[in-house]
Amino acid sequence: MAPPRKGKPQPIGDALTRYLDQSGLAKRVEQAGIIPEWARIVGEQIASVTEPQMISRDGTLFVAVRTNSWMQELSLMEPQILRLLNAHAGELTIARIRWRLMR
């Protein structure tokens, strides 16, 4: 039998926020918020040939690119793209971008 509850029920959003904070996942969730914002941050032209995939714990953003020529161009633009991303990343930063050819 479950132990009796203490206090009033809390909204699920509050419980989830508390869990994410206590588990250390809140910062990772915040960092991952860059992925759905990718097109807005980098613009339509870059977004049309790329697909952000994931962000590792060390702040590496992995992005799939349609062609080798775009991958080379984006590699040259990486410092500029990092500045744009980090302006939107909050307190967590994207340290580097790893470009991968789409399969």
C-alpha atoms as a PDB file:
ATOM      1  CA  MET A   1       0.000   0.000   0.000  1.00  0.00           C
ATOM      2  CA  ALA A   2       1.272   3.474  -0.915  1.00  0.00           C
ATOM      3  CA  PRO A   3       2.280   5.824   1.910  1.00  0.00           C
ATOM      4  CA  PRO A   4      -0.227   8.581   2.679  1.00  0.00           C
ATOM      5  CA  ARG A   5       0.272  11.880   0.863  1.00  0.00           C
ATOM      6  CA  LYS A   6       1.226  15.027   2.683  1.00  0.00           C
ATOM      7  CA  GLY A   7      -0.130  18.384   1.573  1.00  0.00           C
ATOM      8  CA  LYS A   8      -2.268  19.335  -1.407  1.00  0.00           C
ATOM      9  CA  PRO A   9      -1.876  17.925  -4.918  1.00  0.00           C
ATOM     10  CA  GLN A  10       0.439  19.967  -7.118  1.00  0.00           C
ATOM     11  CA  PRO A  11       0.177  20.741 -10.828  1.00  0.00           C
ATOM     12  CA  ILE A  12       2.075  18.230 -12.960  1.00  0.00           C
ATOM     13  CA  GLY A  13       4.093  21.058 -14.526  1.00  0.00           C
ATOM     14  CA  ASP A  14       5.449  22.058 -11.118  1.00  0.00           C
ATOM     15  CA  ALA A  15       6.329  18.454 -10.283  1.00  0.00           C
ATOM     16  CA  LEU A  16       8.089  18.008 -13.631  1.00  0.00           C
ATOM     17  CA  THR A  17      10.045  21.252 -13.228  1.00  0.00           C
ATOM     18  CA  ARG A  18      11.160  20.203  -9.751  1.00  0.00           C
ATOM     19  CA  TYR A  19      12.214  16.755 -11.035  1.00  0.00           C
ATOM     20  CA  LEU A  20      14.210  18.248 -13.921  1.00  0.00           C
ATOM     21  CA  ASP A  21      15.961  20.660 -11.545  1.00  0.00           C
ATOM     22  CA  GLN A  22      16.786  17.946  -9.002  1.00  0.00           C
ATOM     23  CA  SER A  23      18.005  15.483 -11.641  1.00  0.00           C
ATOM     24  CA  GLY A  24      20.219  18.027 -13.383  1.00  0.00           C
ATOM     25  CA  LEU A  25      18.287  17.640 -16.633  1.00  0.00           C
ATOM     26  CA  ALA A  26      16.799  21.146 -16.680  1.00  0.00           C
ATOM     27  CA  LYS A  27      19.918  22.658 -18.225  1.00  0.00           C
ATOM     28  CA  ARG A  28      20.016  19.981 -20.939  1.00  0.00           C
ATOM     29  CA  VAL A  29      16.355  20.578 -21.769  1.00  0.00           C
ATOM     30  CA  GLU A  30      17.038  24.315 -22.006  1.00  0.00           C
ATOM     31  CA  GLN A  31      20.032  23.663 -24.251  1.00  0.00           C
ATOM     32  CA  ALA A  32      17.977  21.380 -26.519  1.00  0.00           C
ATOM     33  CA  GLY A  33      15.517  24.238 -27.019  1.00  0.00           C
ATOM     34  CA  ILE A  34      17.852  25.492 -29.738  1.00  0.00           C
ATOM     35  CA  ILE A  35      16.863  22.618 -32.060  1.00  0.00           C
ATOM     36  CA  PRO A  36      13.240  23.642 -32.720  1.00  0.00           C
ATOM     37  CA  GLU A  37      14.396  27.258 -33.105  1.00  0.00           C
ATOM     38  CA  TRP A  38      17.111  26.377 -35.666  1.00  0.00           C
ATOM     39  CA  ALA A  39      15.299  27.712 -38.766  1.00  0.00           C
ATOM     40  CA  ARG A  40      14.368  30.974 -37.080  1.00  0.00           C
ATOM     41  CA  ILE A  41      17.926  31.500 -35.814  1.00  0.00           C
ATOM     42  CA  VAL A  42      19.955  30.568 -38.909  1.00  0.00           C
ATOM     43  CA  GLY A  43      17.453  31.636 -41.567  1.00  0.00           C
ATOM     44  CA  GLU A  44      15.497  29.837 -44.273  1.00  0.00           C
ATOM     45  CA  GLN A  45      18.369  29.292 -46.705  1.00  0.00           C
ATOM     46  CA  ILE A  46      20.588  27.438 -44.220  1.00  0.00           C
ATOM     47  CA  ALA A  47      17.627  25.664 -42.630  1.00  0.00           C
ATOM     48  CA  SER A  48      16.552  24.328 -46.035  1.00  0.00           C
ATOM     49  CA  VAL A  49      19.825  22.383 -46.426  1.00  0.00           C
ATOM     50  CA  THR A  50      20.403  21.360 -42.802  1.00  0.00           C
ATOM     51  CA  GLU A  51      18.776  19.424 -39.998  1.00  0.00           C
ATOM     52  CA  PRO A  52      19.922  19.858 -36.388  1.00  0.00           C
ATOM     53  CA  GLN A  53      19.999  16.462 -34.724  1.00  0.00           C
ATOM     54  CA  MET A  54      21.204  16.623 -31.134  1.00  0.00           C
ATOM     55  CA  ILE A  55      23.347  18.455 -28.609  1.00  0.00           C
ATOM     56  CA  SER A  56      25.846  16.468 -26.556  1.00  0.00           C
ATOM     57  CA  ARG A  57      26.612  17.094 -22.889  1.00  0.00           C
ATOM     58  CA  ASP A  58      29.755  19.017 -23.800  1.00  0.00           C
ATOM     59  CA  GLY A  59      27.757  21.505 -25.907  1.00  0.00           C
ATOM     60  CA  THR A  60      28.453  20.035 -29.350  1.00  0.00           C
ATOM     61  CA  LEU A  61      25.572  20.539 -31.769  1.00  0.00           C
ATOM     62  CA  PHE A  62      25.356  17.861 -34.471  1.00  0.00           C
ATOM     63  CA  VAL A  63      23.835  19.070 -37.730  1.00  0.00           C
ATOM     64  CA  ALA A  64      23.132  17.034 -40.878  1.00  0.00           C
ATOM     65  CA  VAL A  65      23.871  18.835 -44.165  1.00  0.00           C
ATOM     66  CA  ARG A  66      22.562  17.914 -47.644  1.00  0.00           C
ATOM     67  CA  THR A  67      25.764  18.340 -49.694  1.00  0.00           C
ATOM     68  CA  ASN A  68      29.517  18.476 -49.263  1.00  0.00           C
ATOM     69  CA  SER A  69      29.665  21.976 -50.732  1.00  0.00           C
ATOM     70  CA  TRP A  70      27.153  23.256 -48.170  1.00  0.00           C
ATOM     71  CA  MET A  71      29.055  21.486 -45.417  1.00  0.00           C
ATOM     72  CA  GLN A  72      32.236  23.290 -46.457  1.00  0.00           C
ATOM     73  CA  GLU A  73      30.448  26.654 -46.627  1.00  0.00           C
ATOM     74  CA  LEU A  74      28.822  26.161 -43.227  1.00  0.00           C
ATOM     75  CA  SER A  75      32.143  25.143 -41.682  1.00  0.00           C
ATOM     76  CA  LEU A  76      33.523  28.520 -42.746  1.00  0.00           C
ATOM     77  CA  MET A  77      30.455  30.240 -41.279  1.00  0.00           C
ATOM     78  CA  GLU A  78      30.620  28.294 -37.995  1.00  0.00           C
ATOM     79  CA  PRO A  79      31.896  31.173 -35.770  1.00  0.00           C
ATOM     80  CA  GLN A  80      29.082  33.396 -37.040  1.00  0.00           C
ATOM     81  CA  ILE A  81      26.454  30.652 -36.570  1.00  0.00           C
ATOM     82  CA  LEU A  82      27.738  29.914 -33.052  1.00  0.00           C
ATOM     83  CA  ARG A  83      27.316  33.586 -32.131  1.00  0.00           C
ATOM     84  CA  LEU A  84      23.717  33.524 -33.375  1.00  0.00           C
ATOM     85  CA  LEU A  85      22.936  30.287 -31.527  1.00  0.00           C
ATOM     86  CA  ASN A  86      24.515  31.389 -28.274  1.00  0.00           C
ATOM     87  CA  ALA A  87      22.604  34.659 -28.349  1.00  0.00           C
ATOM     88  CA  HIS A  88      19.471  32.477 -28.056  1.00  0.00           C
ATOM     89  CA  ALA A  89      20.848  29.694 -25.823  1.00  0.00           C
ATOM     90  CA  GLY A  90      20.419  31.392 -22.465  1.00  0.00           C
ATOM     91  CA  GLU A  91      23.079  30.620 -19.893  1.00  0.00           C
ATOM     92  CA  LEU A  92      24.187  27.408 -21.626  1.00  0.00           C
ATOM     93  CA  THR A  93      26.330  27.713 -24.675  1.00  0.00           C
ATOM     94  CA  ILE A  94      26.840  25.716 -27.818  1.00  0.00           C
ATOM     95  CA  ALA A  95      30.594  25.120 -27.859  1.00  0.00           C
ATOM     96  CA  ARG A  96      31.001  23.737 -31.372  1.00  0.00           C
ATOM     97  CA  ILE A  97      29.099  22.396 -34.354  1.00  0.00           C
ATOM     98  CA  ARG A  98      29.813  19.053 -35.979  1.00  0.00           C
ATOM     99  CA  TRP A  99      28.570  18.964 -39.563  1.00  0.00           C
ATOM    100  CA  ARG A 100      27.542  15.550 -40.937  1.00  0.00           C
ATOM    101  CA  LEU A 101      26.538  14.644 -44.458  1.00  0.00           C
ATOM    102  CA  MET A 102      22.856  13.600 -44.651  1.00  0.00           C
ATOM    103  CA  ARG A 103      22.267   9.984 -45.562  1.00  0.00           C
END
